[in-house]
PDB file of N, CA and C in Angstrom:
ATOM      1  N   UNK A   1     116.414 101.413  75.096  1.00  0.00           N
ATOM      2  CA  UNK A   1     115.336 100.686  75.710  1.00  0.00           C
ATOM      3  C   UNK A   1     114.027 101.397  75.376  1.00  0.00           C
ATOM      4  N   UNK A   2     112.993 100.579  75.188  1.00  0.00           N
ATOM      5  CA  UNK A   2     111.657 101.135  74.943  1.00  0.00           C
ATOM      6  C   UNK A   2     110.681 100.433  75.876  1.00  0.00           C
ATOM      7  N   UNK A   3     109.770 101.196  76.445  1.00  0.00           N
ATOM      8  CA  UNK A   3     108.787 100.686  77.380  1.00  0.00           C
ATOM      9  C   UNK A   3     107.394 100.981  76.839  1.00  0.00           C
ATOM     10  N   UNK A   4     106.609  99.930  76.674  1.00  0.00           N
ATOM     11  CA  UNK A   4     105.216 100.070  76.263  1.00  0.00           C
ATOM     12  C   UNK A   4     104.349  99.878  77.502  1.00  0.00           C
ATOM     13  N   UNK A   5     103.438 100.830  77.724  1.00  0.00           N
ATOM     14  CA  UNK A   5     102.540 100.750  78.871  1.00  0.00           C
ATOM     15  C   UNK A   5     101.099 100.784  78.380  1.00  0.00           C
ATOM     16  N   UNK A   6     100.355  99.775  78.761  1.00  0.00           N
ATOM     17  CA  UNK A   6      98.926  99.714  78.463  1.00  0.00           C
ATOM     18  C   UNK A   6      98.227 100.800  79.278  1.00  0.00           C
ATOM     19  N   UNK A   7      97.494 101.679  78.611  1.00  0.00           N
ATOM     20  CA  UNK A   7      96.838 102.784  79.311  1.00  0.00           C
ATOM     21  C   UNK A   7      95.731 102.301  80.253  1.00  0.00           C
ATOM     22  N   UNK A   8      95.374 101.026  80.182  1.00  0.00           N
ATOM     23  CA  UNK A   8      94.372 100.478  81.095  1.00  0.00           C
ATOM     24  C   UNK A   8      94.977 100.051  82.431  1.00  0.00           C
ATOM     25  N   UNK A   9      96.306 100.075  82.532  1.00  0.00           N
ATOM     26  CA  UNK A   9      96.966  99.726  83.787  1.00  0.00           C
ATOM     27  C   UNK A   9      96.712 100.835  84.801  1.00  0.00           C
ATOM     28  N   UNK A  10      96.254 100.447  85.973  1.00  0.00           N
ATOM     29  CA  UNK A  10      95.933 101.406  87.016  1.00  0.00           C
ATOM     30  C   UNK A  10      97.179 102.206  87.410  1.00  0.00           C
ATOM     31  N   UNK A  11      97.016 103.501  87.523  1.00  0.00           N
ATOM     32  CA  UNK A  11      98.090 104.418  87.939  1.00  0.00           C
ATOM     33  C   UNK A  11      99.308 104.382  87.022  1.00  0.00           C
ATOM     34  N   UNK A  12      99.087 104.174  85.732  1.00  0.00           N
ATOM     35  CA  UNK A  12     100.236 104.092  84.828  1.00  0.00           C
ATOM     36  C   UNK A  12     101.022 105.407  84.783  1.00  0.00           C
ATOM     37  N   UNK A  13     100.385 106.519  85.067  1.00  0.00           N
ATOM     38  CA  UNK A  13     101.102 107.808  85.100  1.00  0.00           C
ATOM     39  C   UNK A  13     102.191 107.801  86.172  1.00  0.00           C
ATOM     40  N   UNK A  14     101.909 107.155  87.294  1.00  0.00           N
ATOM     41  CA  UNK A  14     102.909 107.050  88.360  1.00  0.00           C
ATOM     42  C   UNK A  14     104.100 106.218  87.886  1.00  0.00           C
ATOM     43  N   UNK A  15     103.837 105.157  87.146  1.00  0.00           N
ATOM     44  CA  UNK A  15     104.925 104.316  86.630  1.00  0.00           C
ATOM     45  C   UNK A  15     105.854 105.126  85.730  1.00  0.00           C
ATOM     46  N   UNK A  16     105.272 105.943  84.893  1.00  0.00           N
ATOM     47  CA  UNK A  16     106.065 106.744  83.951  1.00  0.00           C
ATOM     48  C   UNK A  16     107.040 107.648  84.704  1.00  0.00           C
ATOM     49  N   UNK A  17     106.590 108.194  85.809  1.00  0.00           N
ATOM     50  CA  UNK A  17     107.454 109.105  86.567  1.00  0.00           C
ATOM     51  C   UNK A  17     108.660 108.391  87.177  1.00  0.00           C
ATOM     52  N   UNK A  18     108.620 107.068  87.233  1.00  0.00           N
ATOM     53  CA  UNK A  18     109.702 106.292  87.835  1.00  0.00           C
ATOM     54  C   UNK A  18     110.679 105.725  86.795  1.00  0.00           C
ATOM     55  N   UNK A  19     110.421 105.969  85.527  1.00  0.00           N
ATOM     56  CA  UNK A  19     111.222 105.390  84.449  1.00  0.00           C
ATOM     57  C   UNK A  19     112.462 106.234  84.181  1.00  0.00           C
ATOM     58  N   UNK A  20     113.550 105.557  83.848  1.00  0.00           N
ATOM     59  CA  UNK A  20     114.794 106.238  83.467  1.00  0.00           C
ATOM     60  C   UNK A  20     114.491 107.211  82.330  1.00  0.00           C
ATOM     61  N   UNK A  21     114.942 108.461  82.433  1.00  0.00           N
ATOM     62  CA  UNK A  21     114.652 109.476  81.412  1.00  0.00           C
ATOM     63  C   UNK A  21     115.157 109.113  80.008  1.00  0.00           C
ATOM     64  N   UNK A  22     116.125 108.210  79.906  1.00  0.00           N
ATOM     65  CA  UNK A  22     116.636 107.814  78.597  1.00  0.00           C
ATOM     66  C   UNK A  22     115.788 106.729  77.939  1.00  0.00           C
ATOM     67  N   UNK A  23     114.814 106.207  78.658  1.00  0.00           N
ATOM     68  CA  UNK A  23     113.921 105.182  78.118  1.00  0.00           C
ATOM     69  C   UNK A  23     112.804 105.844  77.331  1.00  0.00           C
ATOM     70  N   UNK A  24     112.570 105.349  76.126  1.00  0.00           N
ATOM     71  CA  UNK A  24     111.432 105.839  75.335  1.00  0.00           C
ATOM     72  C   UNK A  24     110.177 105.147  75.854  1.00  0.00           C
ATOM     73  N   UNK A  25     109.177 105.922  76.241  1.00  0.00           N
ATOM     74  CA  UNK A  25     107.921 105.394  76.775  1.00  0.00           C
ATOM     75  C   UNK A  25     106.825 105.592  75.744  1.00  0.00           C
ATOM     76  N   UNK A  26     106.098 104.526  75.456  1.00  0.00           N
ATOM     77  CA  UNK A  26     104.964 104.573  74.529  1.00  0.00           C
ATOM     78  C   UNK A  26     103.734 104.098  75.285  1.00  0.00           C
ATOM     79  N   UNK A  27     102.707 104.938  75.321  1.00  0.00           N
ATOM     80  CA  UNK A  27     101.446 104.584  75.963  1.00  0.00           C
ATOM     81  C   UNK A  27     100.546 103.955  74.907  1.00  0.00           C
ATOM     82  N   UNK A  28     100.133 102.714  75.160  1.00  0.00           N
ATOM     83  CA  UNK A  28      99.260 102.007  74.221  1.00  0.00           C
ATOM     84  C   UNK A  28      97.815 102.457  74.428  1.00  0.00           C
ATOM     85  N   UNK A  29      97.188 102.914  73.353  1.00  0.00           N
ATOM     86  CA  UNK A  29      95.828 103.445  73.409  1.00  0.00           C
ATOM     87  C   UNK A  29      94.804 102.306  73.343  1.00  0.00           C
ATOM     88  N   UNK A  30      93.775 102.356  74.185  1.00  0.00           N
ATOM     89  CA  UNK A  30      92.810 101.257  74.263  1.00  0.00           C
ATOM     90  C   UNK A  30      91.927 101.098  73.022  1.00  0.00           C
ATOM     91  N   UNK A  31      91.793 102.148  72.225  1.00  0.00           N
ATOM     92  CA  UNK A  31      90.920 102.081  71.050  1.00  0.00           C
ATOM     93  C   UNK A  31      91.678 101.661  69.793  1.00  0.00           C
ATOM     94  N   UNK A  32      92.932 101.212  69.944  1.00  0.00           N
ATOM     95  CA  UNK A  32      93.746 100.759  68.816  1.00  0.00           C
ATOM     96  C   UNK A  32      94.333  99.394  69.130  1.00  0.00           C
ATOM     97  N   UNK A  33      94.695  98.663  68.106  1.00  0.00           N
ATOM     98  CA  UNK A  33      95.307  97.352  68.268  1.00  0.00           C
ATOM     99  C   UNK A  33      96.693  97.515  68.891  1.00  0.00           C
ATOM    100  N   UNK A  34      96.909  96.882  70.047  1.00  0.00           N
ATOM    101  CA  UNK A  34      98.169  97.017  70.761  1.00  0.00           C
ATOM    102  C   UNK A  34      99.363  96.493  69.984  1.00  0.00           C
ATOM    103  N   UNK A  35      99.204  95.363  69.319  1.00  0.00           N
ATOM    104  CA  UNK A  35     100.304  94.786  68.534  1.00  0.00           C
ATOM    105  C   UNK A  35     100.681  95.725  67.393  1.00  0.00           C
ATOM    106  N   UNK A  36      99.685  96.310  66.754  1.00  0.00           N
ATOM    107  CA  UNK A  36      99.962  97.270  65.675  1.00  0.00           C
ATOM    108  C   UNK A  36     100.708  98.494  66.201  1.00  0.00           C
ATOM    109  N   UNK A  37     100.309  98.979  67.376  1.00  0.00           N
ATOM    110  CA  UNK A  37     100.979 100.134  67.967  1.00  0.00           C
ATOM    111  C   UNK A  37     102.435  99.821  68.300  1.00  0.00           C
ATOM    112  N   UNK A  38     102.678  98.631  68.861  1.00  0.00           N
ATOM    113  CA  UNK A  38     104.036  98.218  69.202  1.00  0.00           C
ATOM    114  C   UNK A  38     104.869  98.064  67.941  1.00  0.00           C
ATOM    115  N   UNK A  39     104.313  97.405  66.923  1.00  0.00           N
ATOM    116  CA  UNK A  39     105.033  97.194  65.660  1.00  0.00           C
ATOM    117  C   UNK A  39     105.414  98.517  65.016  1.00  0.00           C
ATOM    118  N   UNK A  40     104.469  99.448  65.002  1.00  0.00           N
ATOM    119  CA  UNK A  40     104.743 100.759  64.402  1.00  0.00           C
ATOM    120  C   UNK A  40     105.853 101.484  65.148  1.00  0.00           C
ATOM    121  N   UNK A  41     105.777 101.484  66.469  1.00  0.00           N
ATOM    122  CA  UNK A  41     106.797 102.170  67.274  1.00  0.00           C
ATOM    123  C   UNK A  41     108.168 101.543  67.088  1.00  0.00           C
ATOM    124  N   UNK A  42     108.226 100.224  67.063  1.00  0.00           N
ATOM    125  CA  UNK A  42     109.513  99.550  66.868  1.00  0.00           C
ATOM    126  C   UNK A  42     110.071  99.818  65.477  1.00  0.00           C
ATOM    127  N   UNK A  43     109.186  99.945  64.487  1.00  0.00           N
ATOM    128  CA  UNK A  43     109.617 100.252  63.127  1.00  0.00           C
ATOM    129  C   UNK A  43     110.212 101.643  62.995  1.00  0.00           C
ATOM    130  N   UNK A  44     109.823 102.533  63.894  1.00  0.00           N
ATOM    131  CA  UNK A  44     110.321 103.912  63.866  1.00  0.00           C
ATOM    132  C   UNK A  44     111.578 104.103  64.709  1.00  0.00           C
ATOM    133  N   UNK A  45     111.979 103.084  65.468  1.00  0.00           N
ATOM    134  CA  UNK A  45     113.128 103.198  66.368  1.00  0.00           C
ATOM    135  C   UNK A  45     114.362 102.543  65.765  1.00  0.00           C
ATOM    136  N   UNK A  46     115.490 103.033  66.180  1.00  0.00           N
ATOM    137  CA  UNK A  46     116.772 102.441  65.784  1.00  0.00           C
ATOM    138  C   UNK A  46     117.488 101.968  67.046  1.00  0.00           C
ATOM    139  N   UNK A  47     118.248 100.919  66.915  1.00  0.00           N
ATOM    140  CA  UNK A  47     119.094 100.426  68.008  1.00  0.00           C
ATOM    141  C   UNK A  47     118.328 100.146  69.299  1.00  0.00           C
ATOM    142  N   UNK A  48     117.199  99.467  69.202  1.00  0.00           N
ATOM    143  CA  UNK A  48     116.459  99.068  70.396  1.00  0.00           C
ATOM    144  C   UNK A  48     117.044  97.740  70.868  1.00  0.00           C
ATOM    145  N   UNK A  49     117.601  97.735  72.078  1.00  0.00           N
ATOM    146  CA  UNK A  49     118.185  96.501  72.587  1.00  0.00           C
ATOM    147  C   UNK A  49     117.306  95.818  73.629  1.00  0.00           C
ATOM    148  N   UNK A  50     116.344  96.567  74.172  1.00  0.00           N
ATOM    149  CA  UNK A  50     115.463  96.016  75.196  1.00  0.00           C
ATOM    150  C   UNK A  50     114.054  96.547  74.995  1.00  0.00           C
ATOM    151  N   UNK A  51     113.080  95.643  75.114  1.00  0.00           N
ATOM    152  CA  UNK A  51     111.666  96.026  75.033  1.00  0.00           C
ATOM    153  C   UNK A  51     110.979  95.533  76.293  1.00  0.00           C
ATOM    154  N   UNK A  52     110.282  96.436  76.966  1.00  0.00           N
ATOM    155  CA  UNK A  52     109.489  96.080  78.140  1.00  0.00           C
ATOM    156  C   UNK A  52     108.034  96.417  77.835  1.00  0.00           C
ATOM    157  N   UNK A  53     107.134  95.569  78.326  1.00  0.00           N
ATOM    158  CA  UNK A  53     105.702  95.804  78.156  1.00  0.00           C
ATOM    159  C   UNK A  53     105.049  95.675  79.521  1.00  0.00           C
ATOM    160  N   UNK A  54     104.334  96.719  79.914  1.00  0.00           N
ATOM    161  CA  UNK A  54     103.544  96.676  81.143  1.00  0.00           C
ATOM    162  C   UNK A  54     102.085  96.666  80.716  1.00  0.00           C
ATOM    163  N   UNK A  55     101.396  95.604  81.106  1.00  0.00           N
ATOM    164  CA  UNK A  55     100.011  95.442  80.705  1.00  0.00           C
ATOM    165  C   UNK A  55      99.265  94.700  81.812  1.00  0.00           C
ATOM    166  N   UNK A  56      98.036  94.403  81.541  1.00  0.00           N
ATOM    167  CA  UNK A  56      97.230  93.621  82.471  1.00  0.00           C
ATOM    168  C   UNK A  56      97.102  92.206  81.909  1.00  0.00           C
ATOM    169  N   UNK A  57      96.742  91.285  82.752  1.00  0.00           N
ATOM    170  CA  UNK A  57      96.562  89.916  82.286  1.00  0.00           C
ATOM    171  C   UNK A  57      96.668  88.930  83.433  1.00  0.00           C
ATOM    172  N   UNK A  58      96.949  87.689  83.087  1.00  0.00           N
ATOM    173  CA  UNK A  58      97.067  86.605  84.054  1.00  0.00           C
ATOM    174  C   UNK A  58      98.521  86.154  84.078  1.00  0.00           C
ATOM    175  N   UNK A  59      99.074  86.007  85.259  1.00  0.00           N
ATOM    176  CA  UNK A  59     100.472  85.632  85.412  1.00  0.00           C
ATOM    177  C   UNK A  59     100.793  84.313  84.713  1.00  0.00           C
ATOM    178  N   UNK A  60     101.903  84.302  83.978  1.00  0.00           N
ATOM    179  CA  UNK A  60     102.458  83.122  83.322  1.00  0.00           C
ATOM    180  C   UNK A  60     101.545  82.545  82.238  1.00  0.00           C
ATOM    181  N   UNK A  61     100.768  83.396  81.593  1.00  0.00           N
ATOM    182  CA  UNK A  61      99.904  82.963  80.496  1.00  0.00           C
ATOM    183  C   UNK A  61     100.157  83.836  79.274  1.00  0.00           C
ATOM    184  N   UNK A  62      99.846  83.305  78.131  1.00  0.00           N
ATOM    185  CA  UNK A  62     100.019  84.034  76.877  1.00  0.00           C
ATOM    186  C   UNK A  62      98.776  83.792  76.039  1.00  0.00           C
ATOM    187  N   UNK A  63      98.209  84.848  75.484  1.00  0.00           N
ATOM    188  CA  UNK A  63      97.030  84.753  74.629  1.00  0.00           C
ATOM    189  C   UNK A  63      97.452  84.965  73.193  1.00  0.00           C
ATOM    190  N   UNK A  64      97.153  84.008  72.340  1.00  0.00           N
ATOM    191  CA  UNK A  64      97.489  84.137  70.928  1.00  0.00           C
ATOM    192  C   UNK A  64      96.317  83.601  70.113  1.00  0.00           C
ATOM    193  N   UNK A  65      95.784  84.443  69.270  1.00  0.00           N
ATOM    194  CA  UNK A  65      94.678  84.073  68.393  1.00  0.00           C
ATOM    195  C   UNK A  65      93.527  83.439  69.159  1.00  0.00           C
ATOM    196  N   UNK A  66      93.229  83.984  70.319  1.00  0.00           N
ATOM    197  CA  UNK A  66      92.096  83.508  71.099  1.00  0.00           C
ATOM    198  C   UNK A  66      92.379  82.271  71.928  1.00  0.00           C
ATOM    199  N   UNK A  67      93.592  81.735  71.891  1.00  0.00           N
ATOM    200  CA  UNK A  67      93.952  80.545  72.664  1.00  0.00           C
ATOM    201  C   UNK A  67      94.862  80.980  73.803  1.00  0.00           C
ATOM    202  N   UNK A  68      94.562  80.552  75.017  1.00  0.00           N
ATOM    203  CA  UNK A  68      95.382  80.886  76.176  1.00  0.00           C
ATOM    204  C   UNK A  68      96.383  79.766  76.415  1.00  0.00           C
ATOM    205  N   UNK A  69      97.660  80.117  76.390  1.00  0.00           N
ATOM    206  CA  UNK A  69      98.736  79.169  76.689  1.00  0.00           C
ATOM    207  C   UNK A  69      99.217  79.442  78.104  1.00  0.00           C
ATOM    208  N   UNK A  70      99.355  78.383  78.909  1.00  0.00           N
ATOM    209  CA  UNK A  70      99.748  78.565  80.304  1.00  0.00           C
ATOM    210  C   UNK A  70     101.095  77.909  80.579  1.00  0.00           C
ATOM    211  N   UNK A  71     101.784  78.442  81.584  1.00  0.00           N
ATOM    212  CA  UNK A  71     103.019  77.860  82.107  1.00  0.00           C
ATOM    213  C   UNK A  71     104.034  77.577  81.010  1.00  0.00           C
ATOM    214  N   UNK A  72     104.347  78.585  80.222  1.00  0.00           N
ATOM    215  CA  UNK A  72     105.299  78.428  79.123  1.00  0.00           C
ATOM    216  C   UNK A  72     106.741  78.664  79.550  1.00  0.00           C
ATOM    217  N   UNK A  73     106.943  78.949  80.830  1.00  0.00           N
ATOM    218  CA  UNK A  73     108.296  79.242  81.288  1.00  0.00           C
ATOM    219  C   UNK A  73     108.792  80.581  80.778  1.00  0.00           C
ATOM    220  N   UNK A  74     107.868  81.487  80.506  1.00  0.00           N
ATOM    221  CA  UNK A  74     108.230  82.815  80.002  1.00  0.00           C
ATOM    222  C   UNK A  74     108.884  83.619  81.114  1.00  0.00           C
ATOM    223  N   UNK A  75     109.739  84.525  80.727  1.00  0.00           N
ATOM    224  CA  UNK A  75     110.356  85.430  81.696  1.00  0.00           C
ATOM    225  C   UNK A  75     109.376  86.573  81.935  1.00  0.00           C
ATOM    226  N   UNK A  76     108.473  86.385  82.868  1.00  0.00           N
ATOM    227  CA  UNK A  76     107.409  87.351  83.138  1.00  0.00           C
ATOM    228  C   UNK A  76     107.417  87.683  84.607  1.00  0.00           C
ATOM    229  N   UNK A  77     107.358  88.964  84.911  1.00  0.00           N
ATOM    230  CA  UNK A  77     107.288  89.414  86.291  1.00  0.00           C
ATOM    231  C   UNK A  77     105.830  89.756  86.580  1.00  0.00           C
ATOM    232  N   UNK A  78     105.251  89.061  87.563  1.00  0.00           N
ATOM    233  CA  UNK A  78     103.832  89.246  87.861  1.00  0.00           C
ATOM    234  C   UNK A  78     103.670  89.864  89.244  1.00  0.00           C
ATOM    235  N   UNK A  79     102.735  90.799  89.326  1.00  0.00           N
ATOM    236  CA  UNK A  79     102.434  91.430  90.600  1.00  0.00           C
ATOM    237  C   UNK A  79     101.005  91.155  90.960  1.00  0.00           C
TER     238      UNK A  79
END
């Protein structure tokens, strides 16, 4: 399992302390393209069966190429 955490998420350090020690945690840097960071990390990993992303945004929406898609029935947990 690999977990990507957006460094802009409030108290993300606390989240890291709660993660299973066998999970690879990658902190996404705000001054770099997040998709590029995720792609690079996944390219360096073997046998990844689960990917989790913790980021900020709007519940049940997806942004792609500047277009916001809503209510796509995505499996998203929103707080």
